[in-house]
């Protein structure tokens, strides 16, 4: 579970990132989850955009992707979801001092 300070720090890091994946009319599926898991292991922090043709509510999409991929939901702002998961092999973001 992330604290408020940690989420603020991660939001500041994510500000300059471009979305890696898009959720469209197909919604969340196993294929998307597998790609999110692979990408977040290498990057730790990522953005996903929800397209206007997605029939699901964006907060539900964000919660589903976060829970199925094992990531922490940092933020949902507009149509953009920000996720964080500590990497085992490619650790770059240090949240230890932000409690």
Foldseek 3Di string as FASTA:
>chain_A
DDDPQRLVVLCVVCVPADAPEEAACVADDPVVLVVCLVVCLQVQKHKYFYDPRHPDDQVVSLVVSCVSSVWDFSDDDDRMTMTGDAHPPRGDDDCVVPD
